[in-house]
Every structure is written in structure tokens, then in C-alpha cells.
Amino acid sequence: MTHLDLTSLNKQQLTALLWDLKGTPAVHSIYQELRTRPSEVTIEFSDPEWESKTDEALKQVLGIVKHSDRRT
């Protein structure tokens, strides 16, 4: 049996692994590791661009936009 140190994986790698292991008992440890990670997106509702920033963050989380493709 192979053991994987989940703390060494980034959030995108954990999410991909989560989908690969969906429906198996191994998925529980991935969920636990993801819960320990701090939220990376903080968007204030008072920000005039909150809607576009929220859309961009959601696309990034879903893998639609790569981190390197983000606008600065």
C-alpha cells in the first residue's frame, strides 16, 4: 500500500485527487486536509469589483482559469 503525505500537496492537487478517489474511503482524509487549509479568497462585498473577482475566483477553483492566466 502506498502512503501519500497530503500536507505536501497544494490545493489544486488535492482537489484533483479528491475527484480521482471520489466514492472511496480514502476521500475522507483528503476532505480533512482541505479543511485545515486557510481560505485563499477574501473579497469584501463593499469592493466595487466584487462580482468579477468572485467569478474569477470561482473559475480558478473549478480549474477553468489557470493561476498564471489571472489578471493582475
Protein backbone atom coordinates (compact mmCIF):
# COMPACT_ATOMS: atom_id res chain seq x y z
CA MET A 1 0.00 0.00 0.00
CA THR A 2 1.32 3.45 -0.89
CA HIS A 3 1.03 6.31 1.58
CA LEU A 4 0.92 9.90 0.42
CA ASP A 5 1.72 12.92 2.56
CA LEU A 6 -1.30 15.11 1.84
CA THR A 7 0.32 18.12 3.51
CA SER A 8 2.87 18.26 0.69
CA LEU A 9 0.16 18.72 -1.97
CA ASN A 10 -1.26 22.07 -2.99
CA LYS A 11 -5.00 22.74 -3.05
CA GLN A 12 -5.31 22.07 -6.78
CA GLN A 13 -3.55 18.70 -6.44
CA LEU A 14 -5.79 17.77 -3.50
CA THR A 15 -8.89 18.67 -5.49
CA ALA A 16 -7.76 16.54 -8.44
CA LEU A 17 -7.02 13.64 -6.11
CA LEU A 18 -10.41 14.14 -4.49
CA TRP A 19 -12.15 13.62 -7.84
CA ASP A 20 -9.99 10.57 -8.60
CA LEU A 21 -10.85 8.94 -5.28
CA LYS A 22 -14.50 10.02 -5.12
CA GLY A 23 -16.68 7.31 -3.61
CA THR A 24 -13.81 5.56 -1.80
CA PRO A 25 -12.95 5.65 1.92
CA ALA A 26 -9.67 7.42 1.09
CA VAL A 27 -11.56 10.60 0.21
CA HIS A 28 -12.22 11.35 3.90
CA SER A 29 -8.57 12.10 4.64
CA ILE A 30 -8.46 14.49 1.66
CA TYR A 31 -11.52 16.35 2.95
CA GLN A 32 -9.86 16.60 6.37
CA GLU A 33 -6.69 18.03 4.85
CA LEU A 34 -8.65 20.54 2.75
CA ARG A 35 -10.49 21.72 5.88
CA THR A 36 -7.16 22.57 7.53
CA ARG A 37 -6.20 24.90 4.67
CA PRO A 38 -6.99 28.58 5.07
CA SER A 39 -9.35 30.22 2.64
CA GLU A 40 -7.34 31.90 -0.10
CA VAL A 41 -10.02 34.21 -1.41
CA THR A 42 -11.11 37.23 0.59
CA ILE A 43 -13.38 39.58 -1.29
CA GLU A 44 -15.19 42.35 0.51
CA PHE A 45 -18.78 42.90 -0.56
CA SER A 46 -18.10 46.63 -0.50
CA ASP A 47 -15.46 46.17 -3.23
CA PRO A 48 -16.90 47.66 -6.44
CA GLU A 49 -15.40 44.78 -8.44
CA TRP A 50 -16.62 42.03 -6.11
CA GLU A 51 -18.73 40.33 -8.78
CA SER A 52 -15.90 39.97 -11.31
CA LYS A 53 -13.43 38.96 -8.58
CA THR A 54 -15.86 36.33 -7.31
CA ASP A 55 -16.38 34.95 -10.81
CA GLU A 56 -12.62 34.80 -11.36
CA ALA A 57 -12.02 33.06 -8.01
CA LEU A 58 -14.74 30.51 -8.74
CA LYS A 59 -13.31 29.77 -12.18
CA GLN A 60 -9.88 29.29 -10.64
CA VAL A 61 -11.20 26.89 -8.01
CA LEU A 62 -13.05 24.91 -10.67
CA GLY A 63 -9.93 24.77 -12.85
CA ILE A 64 -11.44 26.85 -15.64
CA VAL A 65 -8.74 29.53 -15.33
CA LYS A 66 -5.16 28.68 -14.50
CA HIS A 67 -3.45 30.73 -11.80
CA SER A 68 -0.89 32.01 -14.32
CA ASP A 69 -3.71 33.30 -16.58
CA ARG A 70 -5.18 35.55 -13.88
CA ARG A 71 -5.30 39.27 -14.47
CA THR A 72 -3.19 41.42 -12.19
